[in-house]
Amino acid sequence: MRIMIIVGSHRQQSESSRVAAFVAADLKQLDSTLVIDTLDLAGNPLPLWDESLWQPDSPLAAAWKPIRNRMREAAGFVLVTPEWAGMVPPGLKNLLLFASSKEVGHKPALVVAVSASRGGSYPVNELRTSGYKNNRLLVIPEHVLVHDVADVLAGSEPAGERDAWLRKRITFADRLLLEYAKALGSVRASGLTEDADFPYGM
């Protein structure tokens, strides 16, 4: 099974990237047979979405194709997002504009929000309320808030009780994500998700 971890920060060597690496290692520890594919949005690898994406020979379609193919192979996703001015970074929202139901439809996503202080809840709420309607991405009920990120998830041993608790919380959420990924495979296989009469959410 393949899980894609999407690092939503545009920054090079971001804290979100470091958190994503921790989540990747935790997932592999839970199941060594997993294939972990990390898509880091550092440097904004995708231009802004526009309707030329629908033209197969357009430069935008060419830029999207390799990422699209990787996303189609994934059975589930982890969205690691910092909170920028109370929002999800625009590059991550842009990626969700590109993604269709063929890439992410009826596949589970775990949101891991990253904050330099005690924030992070706004991106979780934003991803639960937008970015999924037409592509049918399923954000699972569990999420993770990484507060004071500079003080946690560094090294193989916890720095203290709060860091130890956070690591257990991540493992708990990762286990749930994997179970959702297994279960939703049968939903996609049912054929019900391909109804041509209802290609978009209401």
N, C-alpha and C. Protein backbone atom coordinates (compact mmCIF):
# COMPACT_ATOMS: atom_id res chain seq x y z
N MET A 1 0.85 -1.19 0.00
CA MET A 1 0.00 0.00 0.00
C MET A 1 0.89 1.25 0.00
N ARG A 2 0.44 2.25 -0.73
CA ARG A 2 1.21 3.49 -0.86
C ARG A 2 0.48 4.63 -0.15
N ILE A 3 1.20 5.37 0.68
CA ILE A 3 0.68 6.55 1.35
C ILE A 3 1.49 7.75 0.90
N MET A 4 0.80 8.81 0.47
CA MET A 4 1.49 10.04 0.08
C MET A 4 1.41 11.05 1.22
N ILE A 5 2.56 11.58 1.60
CA ILE A 5 2.63 12.66 2.59
C ILE A 5 2.88 13.95 1.83
N ILE A 6 1.98 14.90 1.97
CA ILE A 6 2.09 16.19 1.28
C ILE A 6 2.52 17.25 2.28
N VAL A 7 3.67 17.85 2.01
CA VAL A 7 4.19 18.92 2.86
C VAL A 7 3.68 20.23 2.29
N GLY A 8 2.79 20.89 3.02
CA GLY A 8 2.09 22.05 2.49
C GLY A 8 2.85 23.36 2.54
N SER A 9 3.99 23.40 3.21
CA SER A 9 4.76 24.65 3.30
C SER A 9 5.53 24.90 2.01
N HIS A 10 5.62 26.17 1.61
CA HIS A 10 6.42 26.54 0.44
C HIS A 10 7.89 26.72 0.80
N ARG A 11 8.19 26.82 2.08
CA ARG A 11 9.55 27.14 2.52
C ARG A 11 10.50 25.96 2.31
N GLN A 12 11.75 26.29 2.02
CA GLN A 12 12.79 25.28 1.96
C GLN A 12 13.16 24.89 3.39
N GLN A 13 13.40 23.60 3.63
CA GLN A 13 13.81 23.09 4.94
C GLN A 13 12.85 23.57 6.04
N SER A 14 11.59 23.39 5.79
CA SER A 14 10.57 23.87 6.72
C SER A 14 10.40 22.93 7.90
N GLU A 15 9.82 23.43 8.96
CA GLU A 15 9.47 22.57 10.10
C GLU A 15 8.42 21.55 9.67
N SER A 16 7.54 21.93 8.76
CA SER A 16 6.54 20.99 8.26
C SER A 16 7.21 19.79 7.59
N SER A 17 8.29 20.05 6.87
CA SER A 17 9.03 18.96 6.23
C SER A 17 9.63 18.03 7.28
N ARG A 18 10.13 18.59 8.35
CA ARG A 18 10.69 17.77 9.43
C ARG A 18 9.61 16.92 10.09
N VAL A 19 8.45 17.52 10.33
CA VAL A 19 7.32 16.77 10.90
C VAL A 19 6.89 15.66 9.95
N ALA A 20 6.86 15.96 8.66
CA ALA A 20 6.49 14.95 7.67
C ALA A 20 7.44 13.76 7.70
N ALA A 21 8.72 14.04 7.88
CA ALA A 21 9.71 12.95 7.96
C ALA A 21 9.46 12.08 9.18
N PHE A 22 9.07 12.71 10.30
CA PHE A 22 8.74 11.93 11.50
C PHE A 22 7.52 11.05 11.25
N VAL A 23 6.49 11.60 10.62
CA VAL A 23 5.28 10.83 10.34
C VAL A 23 5.60 9.67 9.40
N ALA A 24 6.44 9.93 8.40
CA ALA A 24 6.83 8.87 7.46
C ALA A 24 7.53 7.73 8.19
N ALA A 25 8.43 8.07 9.09
CA ALA A 25 9.15 7.03 9.85
C ALA A 25 8.19 6.25 10.75
N ASP A 26 7.22 6.95 11.34
CA ASP A 26 6.25 6.28 12.19
C ASP A 26 5.39 5.32 11.39
N LEU A 27 4.96 5.73 10.21
CA LEU A 27 4.15 4.86 9.36
C LEU A 27 4.93 3.60 8.97
N LYS A 28 6.20 3.79 8.62
CA LYS A 28 7.02 2.63 8.24
C LYS A 28 7.24 1.69 9.42
N GLN A 29 7.30 2.25 10.61
CA GLN A 29 7.46 1.42 11.80
C GLN A 29 6.19 0.60 12.05
N LEU A 30 5.04 1.18 11.73
CA LEU A 30 3.78 0.47 11.88
C LEU A 30 3.63 -0.64 10.84
N ASP A 31 4.12 -0.38 9.63
CA ASP A 31 4.00 -1.36 8.54
C ASP A 31 5.18 -1.18 7.60
N SER A 32 6.14 -2.07 7.69
CA SER A 32 7.36 -1.95 6.91
C SER A 32 7.13 -2.17 5.42
N THR A 33 5.95 -2.71 5.04
CA THR A 33 5.67 -2.94 3.63
C THR A 33 5.11 -1.70 2.93
N LEU A 34 4.79 -0.67 3.70
CA LEU A 34 4.24 0.55 3.09
C LEU A 34 5.26 1.21 2.17
N VAL A 35 4.75 1.80 1.10
CA VAL A 35 5.55 2.69 0.26
C VAL A 35 5.14 4.11 0.63
N ILE A 36 6.09 4.89 1.12
CA ILE A 36 5.82 6.28 1.51
C ILE A 36 6.35 7.20 0.43
N ASP A 37 5.47 8.02 -0.12
CA ASP A 37 5.83 8.96 -1.17
C ASP A 37 5.60 10.37 -0.62
N THR A 38 6.67 11.12 -0.45
CA THR A 38 6.55 12.48 0.10
C THR A 38 6.58 13.50 -1.02
N LEU A 39 5.52 14.30 -1.10
CA LEU A 39 5.44 15.40 -2.05
C LEU A 39 5.62 16.70 -1.27
N ASP A 40 6.77 17.32 -1.42
CA ASP A 40 7.08 18.56 -0.69
C ASP A 40 6.82 19.74 -1.61
N LEU A 41 5.98 20.66 -1.18
CA LEU A 41 5.62 21.82 -2.00
C LEU A 41 6.60 22.97 -1.84
N ALA A 42 7.76 22.73 -1.23
CA ALA A 42 8.79 23.77 -1.11
C ALA A 42 9.14 24.29 -2.50
N GLY A 43 9.16 25.60 -2.63
CA GLY A 43 9.49 26.20 -3.92
C GLY A 43 8.34 26.24 -4.90
N ASN A 44 7.14 25.83 -4.45
CA ASN A 44 5.94 25.89 -5.31
C ASN A 44 6.14 25.20 -6.65
N PRO A 45 6.16 23.86 -6.67
CA PRO A 45 6.42 23.14 -7.93
C PRO A 45 5.31 23.26 -8.97
N LEU A 46 4.12 23.69 -8.55
CA LEU A 46 3.00 23.84 -9.50
C LEU A 46 2.65 25.31 -9.72
N PRO A 47 2.44 25.71 -10.98
CA PRO A 47 1.92 27.07 -11.21
C PRO A 47 0.51 27.18 -10.65
N LEU A 48 -0.02 28.39 -10.62
CA LEU A 48 -1.41 28.55 -10.19
C LEU A 48 -2.35 27.86 -11.18
N TRP A 49 -3.38 27.24 -10.62
CA TRP A 49 -4.37 26.55 -11.46
C TRP A 49 -5.07 27.52 -12.39
N ASP A 50 -5.32 27.09 -13.61
CA ASP A 50 -6.30 27.74 -14.48
C ASP A 50 -6.88 26.69 -15.41
N GLU A 51 -7.88 27.09 -16.21
CA GLU A 51 -8.63 26.10 -17.00
C GLU A 51 -7.81 25.47 -18.13
N SER A 52 -6.62 25.99 -18.41
CA SER A 52 -5.79 25.34 -19.44
C SER A 52 -5.35 23.94 -19.00
N LEU A 53 -5.52 23.63 -17.72
CA LEU A 53 -5.24 22.27 -17.25
C LEU A 53 -6.05 21.24 -18.03
N TRP A 54 -7.23 21.62 -18.49
CA TRP A 54 -8.12 20.69 -19.18
C TRP A 54 -7.70 20.45 -20.63
N GLN A 55 -6.68 21.17 -21.11
CA GLN A 55 -6.16 20.97 -22.46
C GLN A 55 -4.94 20.04 -22.35
N PRO A 56 -5.03 18.82 -22.87
CA PRO A 56 -3.99 17.81 -22.62
C PRO A 56 -2.58 18.23 -23.02
N ASP A 57 -2.44 19.12 -24.00
CA ASP A 57 -1.12 19.51 -24.48
C ASP A 57 -0.61 20.82 -23.88
N SER A 58 -1.31 21.35 -22.89
CA SER A 58 -0.91 22.64 -22.32
C SER A 58 0.29 22.48 -21.39
N PRO A 59 1.09 23.53 -21.21
CA PRO A 59 2.20 23.48 -20.24
C PRO A 59 1.73 23.15 -18.82
N LEU A 60 0.54 23.62 -18.47
CA LEU A 60 0.03 23.35 -17.13
C LEU A 60 -0.27 21.86 -16.96
N ALA A 61 -0.87 21.26 -17.97
CA ALA A 61 -1.15 19.82 -17.91
C ALA A 61 0.15 19.02 -17.83
N ALA A 62 1.18 19.48 -18.52
CA ALA A 62 2.47 18.79 -18.49
C ALA A 62 3.12 18.90 -17.12
N ALA A 63 2.99 20.06 -16.47
CA ALA A 63 3.55 20.24 -15.13
C ALA A 63 2.82 19.38 -14.10
N TRP A 64 1.52 19.19 -14.30
CA TRP A 64 0.70 18.44 -13.36
C TRP A 64 0.85 16.94 -13.51
N LYS A 65 1.12 16.46 -14.71
CA LYS A 65 1.06 15.03 -15.00
C LYS A 65 1.89 14.16 -14.05
N PRO A 66 3.17 14.47 -13.80
CA PRO A 66 3.94 13.58 -12.91
C PRO A 66 3.42 13.54 -11.48
N ILE A 67 2.93 14.68 -10.98
CA ILE A 67 2.35 14.70 -9.63
C ILE A 67 1.03 13.96 -9.64
N ARG A 68 0.22 14.19 -10.66
CA ARG A 68 -1.06 13.50 -10.81
C ARG A 68 -0.88 11.98 -10.76
N ASN A 69 0.09 11.49 -11.50
CA ASN A 69 0.31 10.04 -11.55
C ASN A 69 0.71 9.49 -10.19
N ARG A 70 1.53 10.22 -9.45
CA ARG A 70 1.92 9.79 -8.11
C ARG A 70 0.72 9.75 -7.18
N MET A 71 -0.13 10.76 -7.26
CA MET A 71 -1.30 10.81 -6.38
C MET A 71 -2.28 9.69 -6.68
N ARG A 72 -2.40 9.33 -7.94
CA ARG A 72 -3.34 8.26 -8.31
C ARG A 72 -2.93 6.91 -7.71
N GLU A 73 -1.64 6.73 -7.48
CA GLU A 73 -1.15 5.46 -6.93
C GLU A 73 -1.35 5.36 -5.42
N ALA A 74 -1.60 6.47 -4.76
CA ALA A 74 -1.71 6.47 -3.29
C ALA A 74 -3.06 5.96 -2.83
N ALA A 75 -3.05 5.22 -1.73
CA ALA A 75 -4.30 4.75 -1.10
C ALA A 75 -4.76 5.68 0.00
N GLY A 76 -3.90 6.59 0.43
CA GLY A 76 -4.24 7.54 1.49
C GLY A 76 -3.21 8.65 1.52
N PHE A 77 -3.55 9.70 2.26
CA PHE A 77 -2.72 10.90 2.28
C PHE A 77 -2.56 11.43 3.70
N VAL A 78 -1.41 12.05 3.94
CA VAL A 78 -1.19 12.86 5.13
C VAL A 78 -0.94 14.28 4.66
N LEU A 79 -1.75 15.22 5.10
CA LEU A 79 -1.58 16.63 4.74
C LEU A 79 -0.91 17.35 5.90
N VAL A 80 0.37 17.65 5.76
CA VAL A 80 1.12 18.36 6.80
C VAL A 80 1.10 19.83 6.43
N THR A 81 0.44 20.64 7.24
CA THR A 81 0.25 22.03 6.88
C THR A 81 0.62 22.97 8.02
N PRO A 82 1.42 23.99 7.74
CA PRO A 82 1.61 25.03 8.74
C PRO A 82 0.41 25.96 8.76
N GLU A 83 0.34 26.79 9.78
CA GLU A 83 -0.69 27.83 9.82
C GLU A 83 -0.04 29.14 9.49
N TRP A 84 -0.41 29.71 8.36
CA TRP A 84 0.11 31.00 7.94
C TRP A 84 -1.02 32.03 8.04
N ALA A 85 -0.89 32.95 8.97
CA ALA A 85 -1.91 33.99 9.19
C ALA A 85 -3.29 33.37 9.35
N GLY A 86 -3.34 32.24 10.06
CA GLY A 86 -4.60 31.57 10.32
C GLY A 86 -5.13 30.78 9.15
N MET A 87 -4.28 30.53 8.13
CA MET A 87 -4.76 29.86 6.93
C MET A 87 -3.82 28.74 6.50
N VAL A 88 -4.35 27.86 5.63
CA VAL A 88 -3.55 26.88 4.92
C VAL A 88 -2.71 27.62 3.86
N PRO A 89 -1.45 27.27 3.66
CA PRO A 89 -0.66 27.93 2.62
C PRO A 89 -1.32 27.82 1.25
N PRO A 90 -1.20 28.86 0.42
CA PRO A 90 -1.88 28.85 -0.87
C PRO A 90 -1.43 27.72 -1.80
N GLY A 91 -0.19 27.28 -1.68
CA GLY A 91 0.28 26.19 -2.53
C GLY A 91 -0.47 24.90 -2.29
N LEU A 92 -0.83 24.63 -1.03
CA LEU A 92 -1.58 23.42 -0.71
C LEU A 92 -3.00 23.52 -1.24
N LYS A 93 -3.64 24.68 -1.08
CA LYS A 93 -4.98 24.86 -1.63
C LYS A 93 -4.95 24.78 -3.16
N ASN A 94 -3.88 25.29 -3.76
CA ASN A 94 -3.72 25.20 -5.21
C ASN A 94 -3.63 23.75 -5.66
N LEU A 95 -2.88 22.94 -4.91
CA LEU A 95 -2.78 21.51 -5.23
C LEU A 95 -4.15 20.84 -5.19
N LEU A 96 -4.98 21.22 -4.22
CA LEU A 96 -6.30 20.63 -4.11
C LEU A 96 -7.23 21.07 -5.24
N LEU A 97 -6.94 22.22 -5.86
CA LEU A 97 -7.67 22.61 -7.07
C LEU A 97 -7.30 21.71 -8.24
N PHE A 98 -6.03 21.36 -8.34
CA PHE A 98 -5.57 20.47 -9.40
C PHE A 98 -6.15 19.06 -9.23
N ALA A 99 -6.21 18.58 -8.01
CA ALA A 99 -6.56 17.18 -7.75
C ALA A 99 -8.04 16.92 -8.06
N SER A 100 -8.29 15.87 -8.82
CA SER A 100 -9.65 15.45 -9.12
C SER A 100 -9.97 14.19 -8.34
N SER A 101 -11.18 13.69 -8.54
CA SER A 101 -11.55 12.45 -7.87
C SER A 101 -10.70 11.27 -8.34
N LYS A 102 -10.11 11.38 -9.53
CA LYS A 102 -9.24 10.30 -10.01
C LYS A 102 -7.97 10.20 -9.18
N GLU A 103 -7.55 11.31 -8.60
CA GLU A 103 -6.34 11.30 -7.79
C GLU A 103 -6.65 11.01 -6.32
N VAL A 104 -7.67 11.66 -5.78
CA VAL A 104 -7.87 11.59 -4.32
C VAL A 104 -9.26 11.13 -3.91
N GLY A 105 -10.14 10.88 -4.88
CA GLY A 105 -11.52 10.58 -4.56
C GLY A 105 -11.71 9.35 -3.70
N HIS A 106 -12.45 9.52 -2.61
CA HIS A 106 -12.78 8.43 -1.69
C HIS A 106 -11.52 7.75 -1.14
N LYS A 107 -10.51 8.59 -0.90
CA LYS A 107 -9.28 8.16 -0.24
C LYS A 107 -9.14 8.97 1.05
N PRO A 108 -8.65 8.36 2.13
CA PRO A 108 -8.58 9.08 3.40
C PRO A 108 -7.38 10.01 3.48
N ALA A 109 -7.56 11.09 4.22
CA ALA A 109 -6.46 12.03 4.48
C ALA A 109 -6.42 12.38 5.96
N LEU A 110 -5.25 12.30 6.53
CA LEU A 110 -5.00 12.74 7.90
C LEU A 110 -4.38 14.12 7.85
N VAL A 111 -4.96 15.08 8.57
CA VAL A 111 -4.41 16.43 8.64
C VAL A 111 -3.49 16.53 9.85
N VAL A 112 -2.26 16.97 9.61
CA VAL A 112 -1.30 17.25 10.67
C VAL A 112 -0.94 18.73 10.56
N ALA A 113 -1.41 19.53 11.51
CA ALA A 113 -1.20 20.97 11.47
C ALA A 113 -0.01 21.35 12.35
N VAL A 114 0.81 22.25 11.85
CA VAL A 114 2.07 22.61 12.49
C VAL A 114 2.05 24.08 12.88
N SER A 115 2.46 24.35 14.13
CA SER A 115 2.46 25.73 14.60
C SER A 115 3.73 26.01 15.40
N ALA A 116 4.30 27.20 15.20
CA ALA A 116 5.46 27.62 15.97
C ALA A 116 5.08 27.95 17.40
N SER A 117 3.77 28.16 17.64
CA SER A 117 3.30 28.48 18.99
C SER A 117 2.18 27.52 19.36
N ARG A 118 0.98 28.03 19.65
CA ARG A 118 -0.12 27.17 20.09
C ARG A 118 -1.27 27.18 19.09
N GLY A 119 -0.97 27.50 17.83
CA GLY A 119 -2.00 27.56 16.81
C GLY A 119 -2.17 26.22 16.12
N GLY A 120 -2.72 26.27 14.90
CA GLY A 120 -2.87 25.08 14.08
C GLY A 120 -4.30 24.64 13.85
N SER A 121 -5.24 25.13 14.68
CA SER A 121 -6.62 24.65 14.54
C SER A 121 -7.31 25.23 13.31
N TYR A 122 -6.94 26.44 12.90
CA TYR A 122 -7.60 27.04 11.74
C TYR A 122 -7.35 26.25 10.46
N PRO A 123 -6.11 25.81 10.16
CA PRO A 123 -5.92 24.98 8.96
C PRO A 123 -6.71 23.67 9.00
N VAL A 124 -6.84 23.08 10.18
CA VAL A 124 -7.63 21.85 10.28
C VAL A 124 -9.07 22.14 9.88
N ASN A 125 -9.63 23.21 10.43
CA ASN A 125 -11.00 23.58 10.10
C ASN A 125 -11.14 23.91 8.61
N GLU A 126 -10.16 24.63 8.06
CA GLU A 126 -10.22 25.01 6.65
C GLU A 126 -10.24 23.78 5.74
N LEU A 127 -9.39 22.81 6.04
CA LEU A 127 -9.33 21.61 5.20
C LEU A 127 -10.54 20.71 5.39
N ARG A 128 -11.20 20.83 6.52
CA ARG A 128 -12.43 20.05 6.73
C ARG A 128 -13.63 20.69 6.02
N THR A 129 -13.55 21.98 5.71
CA THR A 129 -14.70 22.67 5.14
C THR A 129 -14.52 23.06 3.68
N SER A 130 -13.30 22.99 3.15
CA SER A 130 -13.10 23.33 1.73
C SER A 130 -11.94 22.52 1.17
N GLY A 131 -11.93 22.41 -0.15
CA GLY A 131 -10.85 21.70 -0.82
C GLY A 131 -11.16 20.26 -1.13
N TYR A 132 -12.33 19.77 -0.70
CA TYR A 132 -12.67 18.36 -0.90
C TYR A 132 -13.91 18.15 -1.77
N LYS A 133 -14.71 19.20 -2.01
CA LYS A 133 -16.07 19.04 -2.53
C LYS A 133 -16.10 18.28 -3.85
N ASN A 134 -15.36 18.74 -4.85
CA ASN A 134 -15.42 18.10 -6.16
C ASN A 134 -14.46 16.93 -6.29
N ASN A 135 -13.38 16.94 -5.53
CA ASN A 135 -12.41 15.84 -5.68
C ASN A 135 -12.70 14.66 -4.75
N ARG A 136 -13.63 14.83 -3.81
CA ARG A 136 -14.10 13.75 -2.93
C ARG A 136 -13.03 13.22 -1.97
N LEU A 137 -12.01 14.01 -1.70
CA LEU A 137 -11.03 13.62 -0.68
C LEU A 137 -11.74 13.49 0.67
N LEU A 138 -11.42 12.43 1.43
CA LEU A 138 -12.07 12.18 2.71
C LEU A 138 -11.11 12.49 3.86
N VAL A 139 -11.31 13.62 4.50
CA VAL A 139 -10.51 13.97 5.67
C VAL A 139 -11.06 13.17 6.85
N ILE A 140 -10.23 12.36 7.47
CA ILE A 140 -10.72 11.48 8.55
C ILE A 140 -11.00 12.31 9.81
N PRO A 141 -11.82 11.79 10.72
CA PRO A 141 -12.19 12.55 11.92
C PRO A 141 -11.00 12.90 12.81
N GLU A 142 -9.99 12.06 12.83
CA GLU A 142 -8.82 12.31 13.68
C GLU A 142 -7.88 13.29 13.00
N HIS A 143 -7.25 14.17 13.79
CA HIS A 143 -6.20 15.04 13.26
C HIS A 143 -5.14 15.22 14.34
N VAL A 144 -4.03 15.85 13.98
CA VAL A 144 -2.93 16.07 14.91
C VAL A 144 -2.55 17.55 14.88
N LEU A 145 -2.38 18.14 16.06
CA LEU A 145 -1.87 19.50 16.18
C LEU A 145 -0.47 19.44 16.78
N VAL A 146 0.50 19.94 16.04
CA VAL A 146 1.88 19.98 16.54
C VAL A 146 2.15 21.41 17.00
N HIS A 147 2.03 21.62 18.30
CA HIS A 147 2.29 22.94 18.89
C HIS A 147 3.77 23.10 19.22
N ASP A 148 4.23 24.36 19.23
CA ASP A 148 5.63 24.65 19.59
C ASP A 148 6.57 23.67 18.88
N VAL A 149 6.46 23.65 17.55
CA VAL A 149 7.09 22.61 16.76
C VAL A 149 8.60 22.53 16.95
N ALA A 150 9.25 23.64 17.24
CA ALA A 150 10.71 23.63 17.40
C ALA A 150 11.15 22.79 18.61
N ASP A 151 10.20 22.52 19.52
CA ASP A 151 10.55 21.82 20.76
C ASP A 151 10.21 20.33 20.75
N VAL A 152 9.64 19.84 19.65
CA VAL A 152 9.16 18.45 19.66
C VAL A 152 9.59 17.70 18.40
N LEU A 153 9.49 16.37 18.48
CA LEU A 153 9.73 15.47 17.35
C LEU A 153 11.13 15.60 16.78
N ALA A 154 12.09 15.93 17.64
CA ALA A 154 13.48 16.05 17.21
C ALA A 154 14.28 14.91 17.84
N GLY A 155 14.77 14.00 17.04
CA GLY A 155 15.56 12.90 17.57
C GLY A 155 14.71 11.68 17.87
N SER A 156 15.38 10.61 18.22
CA SER A 156 14.69 9.35 18.43
C SER A 156 13.99 9.25 19.78
N GLU A 157 14.40 10.06 20.75
CA GLU A 157 13.81 10.01 22.09
C GLU A 157 13.04 11.30 22.38
N PRO A 158 11.90 11.20 23.06
CA PRO A 158 11.13 12.41 23.40
C PRO A 158 11.91 13.35 24.30
N ALA A 159 11.66 14.65 24.11
CA ALA A 159 12.32 15.66 24.93
C ALA A 159 11.65 15.83 26.28
N GLY A 160 10.44 15.32 26.44
CA GLY A 160 9.71 15.45 27.69
C GLY A 160 8.36 14.78 27.57
N GLU A 161 7.52 14.98 28.58
CA GLU A 161 6.22 14.31 28.60
C GLU A 161 5.32 14.75 27.44
N ARG A 162 5.34 16.04 27.15
CA ARG A 162 4.46 16.53 26.07
C ARG A 162 4.89 15.96 24.72
N ASP A 163 6.20 15.88 24.50
CA ASP A 163 6.72 15.31 23.26
C ASP A 163 6.37 13.82 23.18
N ALA A 164 6.50 13.11 24.30
CA ALA A 164 6.16 11.68 24.32
C ALA A 164 4.68 11.47 24.02
N TRP A 165 3.82 12.32 24.60
CA TRP A 165 2.38 12.22 24.35
C TRP A 165 2.07 12.49 22.89
N LEU A 166 2.72 13.50 22.30
CA LEU A 166 2.48 13.84 20.89
C LEU A 166 2.87 12.68 19.98
N ARG A 167 3.99 12.04 20.27
CA ARG A 167 4.42 10.90 19.46
C ARG A 167 3.40 9.77 19.52
N LYS A 168 2.85 9.52 20.69
CA LYS A 168 1.81 8.49 20.82
C LYS A 168 0.56 8.89 20.04
N ARG A 169 0.23 10.17 20.08
CA ARG A 169 -0.94 10.66 19.37
C ARG A 169 -0.76 10.49 17.85
N ILE A 170 0.43 10.75 17.36
CA ILE A 170 0.71 10.58 15.93
C ILE A 170 0.56 9.11 15.55
N THR A 171 1.10 8.22 16.36
CA THR A 171 0.97 6.78 16.07
C THR A 171 -0.49 6.36 16.06
N PHE A 172 -1.27 6.86 17.02
CA PHE A 172 -2.70 6.57 17.07
C PHE A 172 -3.39 7.01 15.77
N ALA A 173 -3.11 8.24 15.34
CA ALA A 173 -3.73 8.77 14.13
C ALA A 173 -3.25 8.02 12.88
N ASP A 174 -1.97 7.68 12.84
CA ASP A 174 -1.44 6.93 11.71
C ASP A 174 -2.09 5.55 11.58
N ARG A 175 -2.31 4.88 12.71
CA ARG A 175 -2.97 3.58 12.68
C ARG A 175 -4.38 3.71 12.09
N LEU A 176 -5.09 4.74 12.51
CA LEU A 176 -6.44 4.95 11.98
C LEU A 176 -6.41 5.22 10.49
N LEU A 177 -5.46 6.05 10.06
CA LEU A 177 -5.35 6.35 8.63
C LEU A 177 -5.17 5.07 7.82
N LEU A 178 -4.31 4.19 8.27
CA LEU A 178 -4.06 2.95 7.55
C LEU A 178 -5.30 2.07 7.49
N GLU A 179 -6.07 2.03 8.58
CA GLU A 179 -7.29 1.23 8.56
C GLU A 179 -8.33 1.83 7.61
N TYR A 180 -8.43 3.17 7.60
CA TYR A 180 -9.32 3.81 6.63
C TYR A 180 -8.88 3.50 5.21
N ALA A 181 -7.57 3.55 4.96
CA ALA A 181 -7.06 3.28 3.61
C ALA A 181 -7.42 1.87 3.15
N LYS A 182 -7.31 0.91 4.07
CA LYS A 182 -7.68 -0.46 3.72
C LYS A 182 -9.18 -0.57 3.44
N ALA A 183 -9.99 0.02 4.31
CA ALA A 183 -11.44 -0.11 4.20
C ALA A 183 -12.00 0.59 2.97
N LEU A 184 -11.45 1.74 2.63
CA LEU A 184 -12.02 2.51 1.52
C LEU A 184 -11.65 1.94 0.16
N GLY A 185 -10.69 1.03 0.13
CA GLY A 185 -10.38 0.36 -1.13
C GLY A 185 -11.60 -0.38 -1.67
N SER A 186 -12.37 -1.01 -0.80
CA SER A 186 -13.57 -1.73 -1.23
C SER A 186 -14.67 -0.77 -1.68
N VAL A 187 -14.71 0.43 -1.11
CA VAL A 187 -15.69 1.43 -1.55
C VAL A 187 -15.39 1.84 -2.99
N ARG A 188 -14.13 2.13 -3.29
CA ARG A 188 -13.76 2.50 -4.66
C ARG A 188 -13.99 1.34 -5.62
N ALA A 189 -13.71 0.13 -5.17
CA ALA A 189 -13.88 -1.05 -6.02
C ALA A 189 -15.35 -1.35 -6.32
N SER A 190 -16.27 -0.79 -5.54
CA SER A 190 -17.70 -1.07 -5.73
C SER A 190 -18.24 -0.50 -7.03
N GLY A 191 -17.56 0.50 -7.58
CA GLY A 191 -18.04 1.16 -8.79
C GLY A 191 -19.00 2.30 -8.53
N LEU A 192 -19.49 2.43 -7.32
CA LEU A 192 -20.46 3.48 -7.00
C LEU A 192 -19.85 4.87 -7.06
N THR A 193 -18.55 4.96 -6.92
CA THR A 193 -17.90 6.27 -6.90
C THR A 193 -17.69 6.83 -8.30
N GLU A 194 -18.02 6.06 -9.34
CA GLU A 194 -17.78 6.48 -10.72
C GLU A 194 -19.07 6.89 -11.43
N ASP A 195 -20.10 7.26 -10.70
CA ASP A 195 -21.39 7.59 -11.31
C ASP A 195 -21.26 8.87 -12.15
N ALA A 196 -21.46 8.73 -13.46
CA ALA A 196 -21.28 9.86 -14.38
C ALA A 196 -22.36 10.93 -14.20
N ASP A 197 -23.49 10.58 -13.60
CA ASP A 197 -24.56 11.57 -13.41
C ASP A 197 -24.24 12.57 -12.29
N PHE A 198 -23.32 12.19 -11.40
CA PHE A 198 -23.03 13.06 -10.25
C PHE A 198 -21.51 13.21 -10.08
N PRO A 199 -20.86 13.90 -11.02
CA PRO A 199 -19.40 14.01 -10.95
C PRO A 199 -18.90 15.01 -9.91
N TYR A 200 -19.76 15.89 -9.42
CA TYR A 200 -19.35 16.94 -8.50
C TYR A 200 -20.18 16.90 -7.22
N GLY A 201 -19.60 17.42 -6.15
CA GLY A 201 -20.34 17.53 -4.90
C GLY A 201 -21.41 18.60 -4.99
N MET A 202 -22.39 18.51 -4.10
CA MET A 202 -23.48 19.50 -4.10
C MET A 202 -23.06 20.75 -3.35
